[in-house]
Amino acid sequence: MTTPAADLGEVVLDHGSGTQLSHELLSLIVETLGDVYIGEMEDSAMLPIAGGQIAMTTDSFVVDPPFFGNGDIGKIAVCGTVNDLAVVGAKPLYLTLGMILETGLPISRLVQVLTSIRETAREAGVQIVCGDTKVVRKGEADQIYLNTAGVGVFERTPLRMRNVRPGDRVILSGPIGNHTVHLLSIREGLGFEQRVLSDCAPVNGMLDALFAAVDEGDVRSVRDVTRGGLAAVLHEYAGAVERTIRIDKEALPIQFETLMATDMLGIDPIHSANEGCVCLFVDPSAEQKVLDALRAHKHGAGAVAIGEVTEQDGALVLMRDAEGRDSVVEELLGAELPRLC
């Protein structure tokens, strides 16, 4: 029996956190849209067109703060959309650009954002093909909001969650938690922003080099580790394949200063947002090939294997400590921290 709309409560900030409440809201959206929604819950839709297949994705960006040490909301907007296309195995080609600008935003700041968009698009090899701009009254937006949609083409077999099998190894392309700590440090004056930089980067070049270096099927699936952090990604995959995923706590790549900052704040890097880190599920026989290919690229220099998909039934995520003891990694109901991105 469907719950009456009037009894569904209200939207809260944690509905946008990438955690359990986000998944509940997404389920409601999909259920309400019904047969007009044809997505697969991957980072990009995979659509048949003219005898071939394209990838399409869209994302909105509400970064707080919108300007930070080694980037800004413009860089994140391009990276976020390009990365969503790249992790399903597509070659990103075109982006749209929608902007909501708050009255009072300095034009110099807008130019800074547009310059970041231009330079990041050049690095990623994509072009902006259309866009839209709206201006709202002061207090109706956080300086600037962006929306981008992206289109890519497939030159290889698409990557899907359902390809993952028991025994597959779990690999991270680099450290986790740096983006969260960098932005928090700027926002709250913690003093870590010079030592912990955001990992914001387009990863399509790294993945192109990886796919060229390994055989078809060696990489089962890839996901960029953004809102909700690594824990959210692992729970999504564990649920999709109905298997337990076990990771090694000692293997997690966490920069020392990031660990210091998260310990001080009482948060766990495994739940922290990233903007240039990907999680890969790979055939165990290809683990070293994948690691070597990732480490040969500047955005994958810190790649490490962190665990595996087990034969054990159930959508659990376990973490093994140095003594060999397993503990359950819970999926957060909402965010540990106020919105960052």
C-alpha atoms as a PDB file:
ATOM      1  CA  MET A   1       0.000   0.000   0.000  1.00  0.00           C
ATOM      2  CA  THR A   2       1.462   3.361  -1.018  1.00  0.00           C
ATOM      3  CA  THR A   3       1.977   5.932   1.733  1.00  0.00           C
ATOM      4  CA  PRO A   4      -0.089   9.103   1.130  1.00  0.00           C
ATOM      5  CA  ALA A   5       2.130  12.000   0.028  1.00  0.00           C
ATOM      6  CA  ALA A   6       0.927  14.124   2.940  1.00  0.00           C
ATOM      7  CA  ASP A   7       2.378  11.569   5.421  1.00  0.00           C
ATOM      8  CA  LEU A   8       5.901  11.431   3.952  1.00  0.00           C
ATOM      9  CA  GLY A   9       7.434  14.133   6.155  1.00  0.00           C
ATOM     10  CA  GLU A  10       9.875  16.786   4.959  1.00  0.00           C
ATOM     11  CA  VAL A  11      13.142  16.915   3.070  1.00  0.00           C
ATOM     12  CA  VAL A  12      16.140  17.273   5.403  1.00  0.00           C
ATOM     13  CA  LEU A  13      19.788  18.071   4.639  1.00  0.00           C
ATOM     14  CA  ASP A  14      20.811  14.438   5.124  1.00  0.00           C
ATOM     15  CA  HIS A  15      18.650  13.461   2.143  1.00  0.00           C
ATOM     16  CA  GLY A  16      21.518  14.880   0.073  1.00  0.00           C
ATOM     17  CA  SER A  17      24.362  13.223   1.967  1.00  0.00           C
ATOM     18  CA  GLY A  18      24.898  10.145  -0.207  1.00  0.00           C
ATOM     19  CA  THR A  19      24.072   7.849   2.724  1.00  0.00           C
ATOM     20  CA  GLN A  20      21.033   5.778   3.734  1.00  0.00           C
ATOM     21  CA  LEU A  21      18.577   8.688   3.727  1.00  0.00           C
ATOM     22  CA  SER A  22      19.746   9.609   0.226  1.00  0.00           C
ATOM     23  CA  HIS A  23      19.041   6.084  -0.966  1.00  0.00           C
ATOM     24  CA  GLU A  24      15.572   6.209   0.595  1.00  0.00           C
ATOM     25  CA  LEU A  25      14.814   9.501  -1.187  1.00  0.00           C
ATOM     26  CA  LEU A  26      16.136   8.102  -4.465  1.00  0.00           C
ATOM     27  CA  SER A  27      13.916   5.027  -4.082  1.00  0.00           C
ATOM     28  CA  LEU A  28      10.913   7.311  -3.568  1.00  0.00           C
ATOM     29  CA  ILE A  29      11.806   9.325  -6.680  1.00  0.00           C
ATOM     30  CA  VAL A  30      12.227   6.213  -8.819  1.00  0.00           C
ATOM     31  CA  GLU A  31       9.008   4.648  -7.504  1.00  0.00           C
ATOM     32  CA  THR A  32       7.041   7.836  -8.177  1.00  0.00           C
ATOM     33  CA  LEU A  33       8.445   8.282 -11.685  1.00  0.00           C
ATOM     34  CA  GLY A  34       7.438   4.712 -12.467  1.00  0.00           C
ATOM     35  CA  ASP A  35       7.881   3.484 -16.018  1.00  0.00           C
ATOM     36  CA  VAL A  36       9.267   6.803 -17.297  1.00  0.00           C
ATOM     37  CA  TYR A  37      12.481   6.127 -15.346  1.00  0.00           C
ATOM     38  CA  ILE A  38      14.762   3.690 -17.196  1.00  0.00           C
ATOM     39  CA  GLY A  39      18.071   4.150 -15.326  1.00  0.00           C
ATOM     40  CA  GLU A  40      20.192   1.339 -13.874  1.00  0.00           C
ATOM     41  CA  MET A  41      21.466   3.104 -10.730  1.00  0.00           C
ATOM     42  CA  GLU A  42      24.941   3.379 -12.254  1.00  0.00           C
ATOM     43  CA  ASP A  43      26.841   6.684 -12.309  1.00  0.00           C
ATOM     44  CA  SER A  44      25.738   7.200 -15.928  1.00  0.00           C
ATOM     45  CA  ALA A  45      22.838   5.971 -18.022  1.00  0.00           C
ATOM     46  CA  MET A  46      23.794   3.676 -20.921  1.00  0.00           C
ATOM     47  CA  LEU A  47      21.516   4.394 -23.858  1.00  0.00           C
ATOM     48  CA  PRO A  48      21.124   2.741 -27.280  1.00  0.00           C
ATOM     49  CA  ILE A  49      21.248   5.243 -30.124  1.00  0.00           C
ATOM     50  CA  ALA A  50      21.758   4.938 -33.906  1.00  0.00           C
ATOM     51  CA  GLY A  51      22.941   1.361 -33.651  1.00  0.00           C
ATOM     52  CA  GLY A  52      25.474   2.167 -30.937  1.00  0.00           C
ATOM     53  CA  GLN A  53      25.472   3.195 -27.300  1.00  0.00           C
ATOM     54  CA  ILE A  54      26.111   6.442 -25.449  1.00  0.00           C
ATOM     55  CA  ALA A  55      26.513   7.327 -21.788  1.00  0.00           C
ATOM     56  CA  MET A  56      24.674  10.260 -20.243  1.00  0.00           C
ATOM     57  CA  THR A  57      24.779  11.750 -16.762  1.00  0.00           C
ATOM     58  CA  THR A  58      23.832  14.925 -14.904  1.00  0.00           C
ATOM     59  CA  ASP A  59      24.844  16.461 -11.596  1.00  0.00           C
ATOM     60  CA  SER A  60      24.321  19.620  -9.555  1.00  0.00           C
ATOM     61  CA  PHE A  61      27.037  21.273  -7.480  1.00  0.00           C
ATOM     62  CA  VAL A  62      26.520  23.239  -4.269  1.00  0.00           C
ATOM     63  CA  VAL A  63      30.016  23.334  -2.775  1.00  0.00           C
ATOM     64  CA  ASP A  64      30.653  24.956   0.622  1.00  0.00           C
ATOM     65  CA  PRO A  65      32.997  26.809   0.408  1.00  0.00           C
ATOM     66  CA  PRO A  66      32.684  27.279  -3.388  1.00  0.00           C
ATOM     67  CA  PHE A  67      36.297  28.544  -3.622  1.00  0.00           C
ATOM     68  CA  PHE A  68      39.140  26.606  -2.026  1.00  0.00           C
ATOM     69  CA  GLY A  69      42.904  26.198  -2.055  1.00  0.00           C
ATOM     70  CA  ASN A  70      43.532  24.286  -5.262  1.00  0.00           C
ATOM     71  CA  GLY A  71      40.203  24.548  -7.041  1.00  0.00           C
ATOM     72  CA  ASP A  72      36.654  25.767  -6.912  1.00  0.00           C
ATOM     73  CA  ILE A  73      33.090  24.773  -7.743  1.00  0.00           C
ATOM     74  CA  GLY A  74      33.854  25.071 -11.477  1.00  0.00           C
ATOM     75  CA  LYS A  75      36.639  22.490 -11.347  1.00  0.00           C
ATOM     76  CA  ILE A  76      34.477  20.141  -9.281  1.00  0.00           C
ATOM     77  CA  ALA A  77      31.568  20.489 -11.727  1.00  0.00           C
ATOM     78  CA  VAL A  78      33.641  19.361 -14.702  1.00  0.00           C
ATOM     79  CA  CYS A  79      35.448  16.626 -12.768  1.00  0.00           C
ATOM     80  CA  GLY A  80      32.278  15.255 -11.214  1.00  0.00           C
ATOM     81  CA  THR A  81      30.471  14.864 -14.536  1.00  0.00           C
ATOM     82  CA  VAL A  82      33.485  13.641 -16.512  1.00  0.00           C
ATOM     83  CA  ASN A  83      34.266  11.083 -13.803  1.00  0.00           C
ATOM     84  CA  ASP A  84      30.712   9.741 -13.763  1.00  0.00           C
ATOM     85  CA  LEU A  85      31.003   9.050 -17.490  1.00  0.00           C
ATOM     86  CA  ALA A  86      34.499   7.582 -17.257  1.00  0.00           C
ATOM     87  CA  VAL A  87      33.755   5.080 -14.486  1.00  0.00           C
ATOM     88  CA  VAL A  88      31.163   3.265 -16.611  1.00  0.00           C
ATOM     89  CA  GLY A  89      33.770   2.867 -19.351  1.00  0.00           C
ATOM     90  CA  ALA A  90      32.647   5.732 -21.588  1.00  0.00           C
ATOM     91  CA  LYS A  91      34.794   8.366 -23.320  1.00  0.00           C
ATOM     92  CA  PRO A  92      33.490  11.778 -22.148  1.00  0.00           C
ATOM     93  CA  LEU A  93      32.883  14.210 -25.016  1.00  0.00           C
ATOM     94  CA  TYR A  94      30.375  16.977 -24.251  1.00  0.00           C
ATOM     95  CA  LEU A  95      29.049  18.875 -21.232  1.00  0.00           C
ATOM     96  CA  THR A  96      26.234  21.331 -20.652  1.00  0.00           C
ATOM     97  CA  LEU A  97      26.616  24.147 -18.140  1.00  0.00           C
ATOM     98  CA  GLY A  98      23.786  25.606 -16.060  1.00  0.00           C
ATOM     99  CA  MET A  99      24.527  28.392 -13.560  1.00  0.00           C
ATOM    100  CA  ILE A 100      22.439  29.904 -10.767  1.00  0.00           C
ATOM    101  CA  LEU A 101      24.119  33.107  -9.589  1.00  0.00           C
ATOM    102  CA  GLU A 102      23.274  34.990  -6.412  1.00  0.00           C
ATOM    103  CA  THR A 103      22.998  38.779  -6.563  1.00  0.00           C
ATOM    104  CA  GLY A 104      26.203  40.267  -5.149  1.00  0.00           C
ATOM    105  CA  LEU A 105      28.567  37.608  -6.477  1.00  0.00           C
ATOM    106  CA  PRO A 106      31.694  39.479  -7.628  1.00  0.00           C
ATOM    107  CA  ILE A 107      32.147  39.189 -11.394  1.00  0.00           C
ATOM    108  CA  SER A 108      35.823  38.398 -10.713  1.00  0.00           C
ATOM    109  CA  ARG A 109      34.701  35.263  -8.848  1.00  0.00           C
ATOM    110  CA  LEU A 110      32.487  34.238 -11.758  1.00  0.00           C
ATOM    111  CA  VAL A 111      35.440  34.649 -14.110  1.00  0.00           C
ATOM    112  CA  GLN A 112      37.533  32.509 -11.748  1.00  0.00           C
ATOM    113  CA  VAL A 113      34.930  29.732 -11.934  1.00  0.00           C
ATOM    114  CA  LEU A 114      34.640  29.956 -15.711  1.00  0.00           C
ATOM    115  CA  THR A 115      38.424  29.849 -16.044  1.00  0.00           C
ATOM    116  CA  SER A 116      38.542  26.689 -13.908  1.00  0.00           C
ATOM    117  CA  ILE A 117      35.806  25.148 -16.066  1.00  0.00           C
ATOM    118  CA  ARG A 118      37.776  25.980 -19.214  1.00  0.00           C
ATOM    119  CA  GLU A 119      41.099  24.612 -17.947  1.00  0.00           C
ATOM    120  CA  THR A 120      39.607  21.443 -16.440  1.00  0.00           C
ATOM    121  CA  ALA A 121      37.570  20.779 -19.595  1.00  0.00           C
ATOM    122  CA  ARG A 122      40.773  21.083 -21.616  1.00  0.00           C
ATOM    123  CA  GLU A 123      42.557  18.612 -19.347  1.00  0.00           C
ATOM    124  CA  ALA A 124      39.642  16.167 -19.599  1.00  0.00           C
ATOM    125  CA  GLY A 125      39.281  16.607 -23.368  1.00  0.00           C
ATOM    126  CA  VAL A 126      35.614  17.666 -23.272  1.00  0.00           C
ATOM    127  CA  GLN A 127      33.729  20.624 -24.723  1.00  0.00           C
ATOM    128  CA  ILE A 128      30.897  22.766 -23.344  1.00  0.00           C
ATOM    129  CA  VAL A 129      28.102  22.673 -25.941  1.00  0.00           C
ATOM    130  CA  CYS A 130      25.194  24.584 -24.342  1.00  0.00           C
ATOM    131  CA  GLY A 131      24.100  26.149 -21.084  1.00  0.00           C
ATOM    132  CA  ASP A 132      21.753  28.363 -19.122  1.00  0.00           C
ATOM    133  CA  THR A 133      22.147  31.170 -16.565  1.00  0.00           C
ATOM    134  CA  LYS A 134      19.712  32.351 -13.894  1.00  0.00           C
ATOM    135  CA  VAL A 135      20.200  35.122 -11.314  1.00  0.00           C
ATOM    136  CA  VAL A 136      18.406  35.005  -7.946  1.00  0.00           C
ATOM    137  CA  ARG A 137      18.076  37.477  -5.083  1.00  0.00           C
ATOM    138  CA  LYS A 138      20.669  37.648  -2.306  1.00  0.00           C
ATOM    139  CA  GLY A 139      20.095  34.882   0.232  1.00  0.00           C
ATOM    140  CA  GLU A 140      18.430  32.555  -2.280  1.00  0.00           C
ATOM    141  CA  ALA A 141      21.664  30.723  -3.219  1.00  0.00           C
ATOM    142  CA  ASP A 142      25.128  30.138  -1.776  1.00  0.00           C
ATOM    143  CA  GLN A 143      26.916  32.539  -4.185  1.00  0.00           C
ATOM    144  CA  ILE A 144      26.858  30.135  -7.121  1.00  0.00           C
ATOM    145  CA  TYR A 145      25.249  26.786  -7.978  1.00  0.00           C
ATOM    146  CA  LEU A 146      26.173  24.804 -11.076  1.00  0.00           C
ATOM    147  CA  ASN A 147      24.530  21.992 -13.005  1.00  0.00           C
ATOM    148  CA  THR A 148      26.241  19.974 -15.698  1.00  0.00           C
ATOM    149  CA  ALA A 149      25.080  17.150 -17.927  1.00  0.00           C
ATOM    150  CA  GLY A 150      27.561  15.015 -19.805  1.00  0.00           C
ATOM    151  CA  VAL A 151      27.520  12.770 -22.866  1.00  0.00           C
ATOM    152  CA  GLY A 152      30.112  10.150 -23.750  1.00  0.00           C
ATOM    153  CA  VAL A 153      30.546   7.275 -26.183  1.00  0.00           C
ATOM    154  CA  PHE A 154      31.571   3.679 -25.584  1.00  0.00           C
ATOM    155  CA  GLU A 155      34.702   2.348 -27.202  1.00  0.00           C
ATOM    156  CA  ARG A 156      34.684  -0.704 -24.910  1.00  0.00           C
ATOM    157  CA  THR A 157      32.170  -2.870 -23.074  1.00  0.00           C
ATOM    158  CA  PRO A 158      30.292  -0.806 -20.459  1.00  0.00           C
ATOM    159  CA  LEU A 159      31.165  -1.434 -16.818  1.00  0.00           C
ATOM    160  CA  ARG A 160      28.329  -2.361 -14.467  1.00  0.00           C
ATOM    161  CA  MET A 161      27.955  -3.311 -10.817  1.00  0.00           C
ATOM    162  CA  ARG A 162      26.391  -6.622 -11.786  1.00  0.00           C
ATOM    163  CA  ASN A 163      29.708  -7.708 -13.363  1.00  0.00           C
ATOM    164  CA  VAL A 164      31.330  -7.993  -9.920  1.00  0.00           C
ATOM    165  CA  ARG A 165      31.986 -11.552  -8.695  1.00  0.00           C
ATOM    166  CA  PRO A 166      33.083 -13.244  -5.473  1.00  0.00           C
ATOM    167  CA  GLY A 167      36.867 -13.238  -5.263  1.00  0.00           C
ATOM    168  CA  ASP A 168      37.249  -9.893  -7.041  1.00  0.00           C
ATOM    169  CA  ARG A 169      39.805  -7.570  -5.495  1.00  0.00           C
ATOM    170  CA  VAL A 170      38.906  -4.056  -4.355  1.00  0.00           C
ATOM    171  CA  ILE A 171      41.387  -1.321  -5.287  1.00  0.00           C
ATOM    172  CA  LEU A 172      41.497   2.406  -4.494  1.00  0.00           C
ATOM    173  CA  SER A 173      43.263   4.788  -6.862  1.00  0.00           C
ATOM    174  CA  GLY A 174      44.537   7.005  -4.061  1.00  0.00           C
ATOM    175  CA  PRO A 175      44.084   8.450  -0.560  1.00  0.00           C
ATOM    176  CA  ILE A 176      40.643   9.029   0.922  1.00  0.00           C
ATOM    177  CA  GLY A 177      39.358  11.922   3.015  1.00  0.00           C
ATOM    178  CA  ASN A 178      41.611  14.699   1.694  1.00  0.00           C
ATOM    179  CA  HIS A 179      38.858  16.650  -0.065  1.00  0.00           C
ATOM    180  CA  THR A 180      36.698  16.717   3.056  1.00  0.00           C
ATOM    181  CA  VAL A 181      39.562  17.746   5.339  1.00  0.00           C
ATOM    182  CA  HIS A 182      40.768  20.445   2.927  1.00  0.00           C
ATOM    183  CA  LEU A 183      37.347  22.096   2.645  1.00  0.00           C
ATOM    184  CA  LEU A 184      36.580  21.738   6.345  1.00  0.00           C
ATOM    185  CA  SER A 185      39.929  23.235   7.265  1.00  0.00           C
ATOM    186  CA  ILE A 186      39.252  26.327   5.139  1.00  0.00           C
ATOM    187  CA  ARG A 187      35.695  26.655   6.404  1.00  0.00           C
ATOM    188  CA  GLU A 188      36.464  26.173  10.084  1.00  0.00           C
ATOM    189  CA  GLY A 189      40.008  27.592  10.254  1.00  0.00           C
ATOM    190  CA  LEU A 190      41.657  24.312  11.281  1.00  0.00           C
ATOM    191  CA  GLY A 191      45.020  25.049   9.653  1.00  0.00           C
ATOM    192  CA  PHE A 192      45.346  21.804   7.655  1.00  0.00           C
ATOM    193  CA  GLU A 193      44.566  23.206   4.187  1.00  0.00           C
ATOM    194  CA  GLN A 194      48.218  23.752   3.204  1.00  0.00           C
ATOM    195  CA  ARG A 195      49.214  20.182   4.100  1.00  0.00           C
ATOM    196  CA  VAL A 196      46.069  18.373   2.957  1.00  0.00           C
ATOM    197  CA  LEU A 197      44.987  19.274  -0.577  1.00  0.00           C
ATOM    198  CA  SER A 198      41.696  18.378  -2.245  1.00  0.00           C
ATOM    199  CA  ASP A 199      42.051  15.413  -4.614  1.00  0.00           C
ATOM    200  CA  CYS A 200      39.688  17.052  -7.143  1.00  0.00           C
ATOM    201  CA  ALA A 201      40.724  15.837 -10.614  1.00  0.00           C
ATOM    202  CA  PRO A 202      39.314  14.370 -13.830  1.00  0.00           C
ATOM    203  CA  VAL A 203      40.113  10.635 -13.820  1.00  0.00           C
ATOM    204  CA  ASN A 204      39.219   9.770 -17.426  1.00  0.00           C
ATOM    205  CA  GLY A 205      42.841   9.990 -18.599  1.00  0.00           C
ATOM    206  CA  MET A 206      43.944   7.629 -15.848  1.00  0.00           C
ATOM    207  CA  LEU A 207      41.174   5.156 -16.682  1.00  0.00           C
ATOM    208  CA  ASP A 208      41.919   5.340 -20.413  1.00  0.00           C
ATOM    209  CA  ALA A 209      45.534   4.391 -19.681  1.00  0.00           C
ATOM    210  CA  LEU A 210      44.367   1.602 -17.390  1.00  0.00           C
ATOM    211  CA  PHE A 211      41.970   0.091 -19.943  1.00  0.00           C
ATOM    212  CA  ALA A 212      44.706   0.198 -22.587  1.00  0.00           C
ATOM    213  CA  ALA A 213      47.067  -1.724 -20.299  1.00  0.00           C
ATOM    214  CA  VAL A 214      44.760  -4.577 -19.223  1.00  0.00           C
ATOM    215  CA  ASP A 215      42.536  -7.115 -20.937  1.00  0.00           C
ATOM    216  CA  GLU A 216      38.794  -6.776 -21.472  1.00  0.00           C
ATOM    217  CA  GLY A 217      37.076  -8.084 -18.340  1.00  0.00           C
ATOM    218  CA  ASP A 218      40.026  -7.547 -15.991  1.00  0.00           C
ATOM    219  CA  VAL A 219      38.226  -4.499 -14.570  1.00  0.00           C
ATOM    220  CA  ARG A 220      34.686  -5.507 -13.620  1.00  0.00           C
ATOM    221  CA  SER A 221      33.335  -2.190 -12.362  1.00  0.00           C
ATOM    222  CA  VAL A 222      34.496   1.251 -11.217  1.00  0.00           C
ATOM    223  CA  ARG A 223      32.876   3.893  -9.027  1.00  0.00           C
ATOM    224  CA  ASP A 224      34.116   7.349  -8.064  1.00  0.00           C
ATOM    225  CA  VAL A 225      34.197   7.825  -4.310  1.00  0.00           C
ATOM    226  CA  THR A 226      32.282  11.056  -3.688  1.00  0.00           C
ATOM    227  CA  ARG A 227      29.501  11.918  -1.219  1.00  0.00           C
ATOM    228  CA  GLY A 228      29.080   9.246   1.444  1.00  0.00           C
ATOM    229  CA  GLY A 229      32.693   8.191   0.976  1.00  0.00           C
ATOM    230  CA  LEU A 230      34.159   4.738   0.500  1.00  0.00           C
ATOM    231  CA  ALA A 231      31.672   3.172   2.917  1.00  0.00           C
ATOM    232  CA  ALA A 232      28.724   4.271   0.757  1.00  0.00           C
ATOM    233  CA  VAL A 233      30.339   2.786  -2.375  1.00  0.00           C
ATOM    234  CA  LEU A 234      31.062  -0.538  -0.677  1.00  0.00           C
ATOM    235  CA  HIS A 235      27.532  -0.797   0.707  1.00  0.00           C
ATOM    236  CA  GLU A 236      26.078  -0.056  -2.721  1.00  0.00           C
ATOM    237  CA  TYR A 237      28.094  -2.859  -4.306  1.00  0.00           C
ATOM    238  CA  ALA A 238      27.505  -5.305  -1.458  1.00  0.00           C
ATOM    239  CA  GLY A 239      23.769  -4.747  -1.899  1.00  0.00           C
ATOM    240  CA  ALA A 240      23.910  -5.006  -5.681  1.00  0.00           C
ATOM    241  CA  VAL A 241      25.751  -8.359  -5.747  1.00  0.00           C
ATOM    242  CA  GLU A 242      24.366  -9.652  -2.408  1.00  0.00           C
ATOM    243  CA  ARG A 243      27.807 -10.582  -1.143  1.00  0.00           C
ATOM    244  CA  THR A 244      29.886  -9.481   1.837  1.00  0.00           C
ATOM    245  CA  ILE A 245      32.825  -7.203   1.050  1.00  0.00           C
ATOM    246  CA  ARG A 246      35.804  -7.328   3.417  1.00  0.00           C
ATOM    247  CA  ILE A 247      38.451  -4.599   3.531  1.00  0.00           C
ATOM    248  CA  ASP A 248      41.744  -4.388   5.427  1.00  0.00           C
ATOM    249  CA  LYS A 249      41.891  -1.428   7.805  1.00  0.00           C
ATOM    250  CA  GLU A 250      45.687  -1.271   7.665  1.00  0.00           C
ATOM    251  CA  ALA A 251      45.630  -1.082   3.850  1.00  0.00           C
ATOM    252  CA  LEU A 252      43.392   2.008   3.645  1.00  0.00           C
ATOM    253  CA  PRO A 253      45.356   4.878   2.056  1.00  0.00           C
ATOM    254  CA  ILE A 254      44.953   7.806   4.452  1.00  0.00           C
ATOM    255  CA  GLN A 255      47.413  10.702   4.606  1.00  0.00           C
ATOM    256  CA  PHE A 256      48.842  11.189   8.109  1.00  0.00           C
ATOM    257  CA  GLU A 257      47.584  14.789   8.392  1.00  0.00           C
ATOM    258  CA  THR A 258      44.149  13.694   7.188  1.00  0.00           C
ATOM    259  CA  LEU A 259      44.045  11.063   9.913  1.00  0.00           C
ATOM    260  CA  MET A 260      45.081  13.668  12.486  1.00  0.00           C
ATOM    261  CA  ALA A 261      42.337  16.041  11.372  1.00  0.00           C
ATOM    262  CA  THR A 262      39.589  13.408  11.251  1.00  0.00           C
ATOM    263  CA  ASP A 263      40.609  12.063  14.674  1.00  0.00           C
ATOM    264  CA  MET A 264      40.423  15.593  16.063  1.00  0.00           C
ATOM    265  CA  LEU A 265      36.975  16.101  14.521  1.00  0.00           C
ATOM    266  CA  GLY A 266      35.676  12.678  15.544  1.00  0.00           C
ATOM    267  CA  ILE A 267      34.897  11.574  11.980  1.00  0.00           C
ATOM    268  CA  ASP A 268      35.965   8.537   9.952  1.00  0.00           C
ATOM    269  CA  PRO A 269      37.777   9.002   6.603  1.00  0.00           C
ATOM    270  CA  ILE A 270      35.894   5.989   5.236  1.00  0.00           C
ATOM    271  CA  HIS A 271      32.724   8.122   5.273  1.00  0.00           C
ATOM    272  CA  SER A 272      34.401  11.270   3.885  1.00  0.00           C
ATOM    273  CA  ALA A 273      33.797  12.798   0.438  1.00  0.00           C
ATOM    274  CA  ASN A 274      36.433  12.714  -2.300  1.00  0.00           C
ATOM    275  CA  GLU A 275      36.537  14.233  -5.785  1.00  0.00           C
ATOM    276  CA  GLY A 276      39.333  12.378  -7.612  1.00  0.00           C
ATOM    277  CA  CYS A 277      39.479   8.908  -6.100  1.00  0.00           C
ATOM    278  CA  VAL A 278      37.937   5.812  -7.684  1.00  0.00           C
ATOM    279  CA  CYS A 279      37.169   2.366  -6.300  1.00  0.00           C
ATOM    280  CA  LEU A 280      37.762  -0.513  -8.701  1.00  0.00           C
ATOM    281  CA  PHE A 281      36.592  -4.114  -8.595  1.00  0.00           C
ATOM    282  CA  VAL A 282      39.004  -6.294 -10.566  1.00  0.00           C
ATOM    283  CA  ASP A 283      39.662  -9.905 -11.489  1.00  0.00           C
ATOM    284  CA  PRO A 284      42.112 -11.222  -8.846  1.00  0.00           C
ATOM    285  CA  SER A 285      44.488 -12.455 -11.550  1.00  0.00           C
ATOM    286  CA  ALA A 286      44.775  -8.889 -12.883  1.00  0.00           C
ATOM    287  CA  GLU A 287      45.360  -7.134  -9.545  1.00  0.00           C
ATOM    288  CA  GLN A 288      49.049  -6.329 -10.088  1.00  0.00           C
ATOM    289  CA  LYS A 289      48.520  -5.240 -13.709  1.00  0.00           C
ATOM    290  CA  VAL A 290      45.797  -2.853 -12.595  1.00  0.00           C
ATOM    291  CA  LEU A 291      47.905  -1.449  -9.763  1.00  0.00           C
ATOM    292  CA  ASP A 292      50.909  -0.947 -12.050  1.00  0.00           C
ATOM    293  CA  ALA A 293      48.802   0.860 -14.663  1.00  0.00           C
ATOM    294  CA  LEU A 294      47.172   3.127 -12.094  1.00  0.00           C
ATOM    295  CA  ARG A 295      50.455   3.973 -10.381  1.00  0.00           C
ATOM    296  CA  ALA A 296      51.970   5.010 -13.718  1.00  0.00           C
ATOM    297  CA  HIS A 297      49.497   7.930 -13.895  1.00  0.00           C
ATOM    298  CA  LYS A 298      49.721  11.059 -11.736  1.00  0.00           C
ATOM    299  CA  HIS A 299      46.171  10.660 -10.445  1.00  0.00           C
ATOM    300  CA  GLY A 300      46.714   6.989  -9.508  1.00  0.00           C
ATOM    301  CA  ALA A 301      50.192   7.131  -7.974  1.00  0.00           C
ATOM    302  CA  GLY A 302      48.808   6.118  -4.569  1.00  0.00           C
ATOM    303  CA  ALA A 303      46.764   3.128  -5.766  1.00  0.00           C
ATOM    304  CA  VAL A 304      46.467   0.201  -3.341  1.00  0.00           C
ATOM    305  CA  ALA A 305      44.460  -3.006  -2.953  1.00  0.00           C
ATOM    306  CA  ILE A 306      42.257  -2.798   0.131  1.00  0.00           C
ATOM    307  CA  GLY A 307      40.101  -5.948   0.170  1.00  0.00           C
ATOM    308  CA  GLU A 308      37.917  -8.380  -1.705  1.00  0.00           C
ATOM    309  CA  VAL A 309      34.404  -9.496  -2.483  1.00  0.00           C
ATOM    310  CA  THR A 310      33.820 -12.692  -0.504  1.00  0.00           C
ATOM    311  CA  GLU A 311      31.690 -15.760  -1.161  1.00  0.00           C
ATOM    312  CA  GLN A 312      29.652 -14.941   1.950  1.00  0.00           C
ATOM    313  CA  ASP A 313      25.990 -14.131   1.270  1.00  0.00           C
ATOM    314  CA  GLY A 314      24.451 -10.926   2.579  1.00  0.00           C
ATOM    315  CA  ALA A 315      25.001  -7.261   1.845  1.00  0.00           C
ATOM    316  CA  LEU A 316      27.579  -6.649   4.577  1.00  0.00           C
ATOM    317  CA  VAL A 317      30.757  -4.589   4.633  1.00  0.00           C
ATOM    318  CA  LEU A 318      33.398  -5.834   7.072  1.00  0.00           C
ATOM    319  CA  MET A 319      36.679  -4.265   8.145  1.00  0.00           C
ATOM    320  CA  ARG A 320      39.538  -6.500   9.330  1.00  0.00           C
ATOM    321  CA  ASP A 321      41.987  -4.998  11.827  1.00  0.00           C
ATOM    322  CA  ALA A 322      45.679  -5.786  12.356  1.00  0.00           C
ATOM    323  CA  GLU A 323      44.783  -8.626  14.747  1.00  0.00           C
ATOM    324  CA  GLY A 324      42.535 -10.298  12.179  1.00  0.00           C
ATOM    325  CA  ARG A 325      39.257  -9.297  13.849  1.00  0.00           C
ATOM    326  CA  ASP A 326      36.308  -8.277  11.695  1.00  0.00           C
ATOM    327  CA  SER A 327      33.889  -5.480  12.518  1.00  0.00           C
ATOM    328  CA  VAL A 328      30.842  -4.339  10.570  1.00  0.00           C
ATOM    329  CA  VAL A 329      31.136  -1.036   8.701  1.00  0.00           C
ATOM    330  CA  GLU A 330      27.710   0.480   9.175  1.00  0.00           C
ATOM    331  CA  GLU A 331      26.080   2.573   6.488  1.00  0.00           C
ATOM    332  CA  LEU A 332      25.400   6.020   7.915  1.00  0.00           C
ATOM    333  CA  LEU A 333      21.788   7.145   8.123  1.00  0.00           C
ATOM    334  CA  GLY A 334      22.877  10.713   7.346  1.00  0.00           C
ATOM    335  CA  ALA A 335      26.059  12.736   7.027  1.00  0.00           C
ATOM    336  CA  GLU A 336      28.672  12.963   9.782  1.00  0.00           C
ATOM    337  CA  LEU A 337      29.282  16.593   8.830  1.00  0.00           C
ATOM    338  CA  PRO A 338      27.351  19.565   7.411  1.00  0.00           C
ATOM    339  CA  ARG A 339      27.189  19.725   3.612  1.00  0.00           C
ATOM    340  CA  LEU A 340      30.497  20.247   1.821  1.00  0.00           C
ATOM    341  CA  CYS A 341      29.587  19.343  -1.765  1.00  0.00           C
END
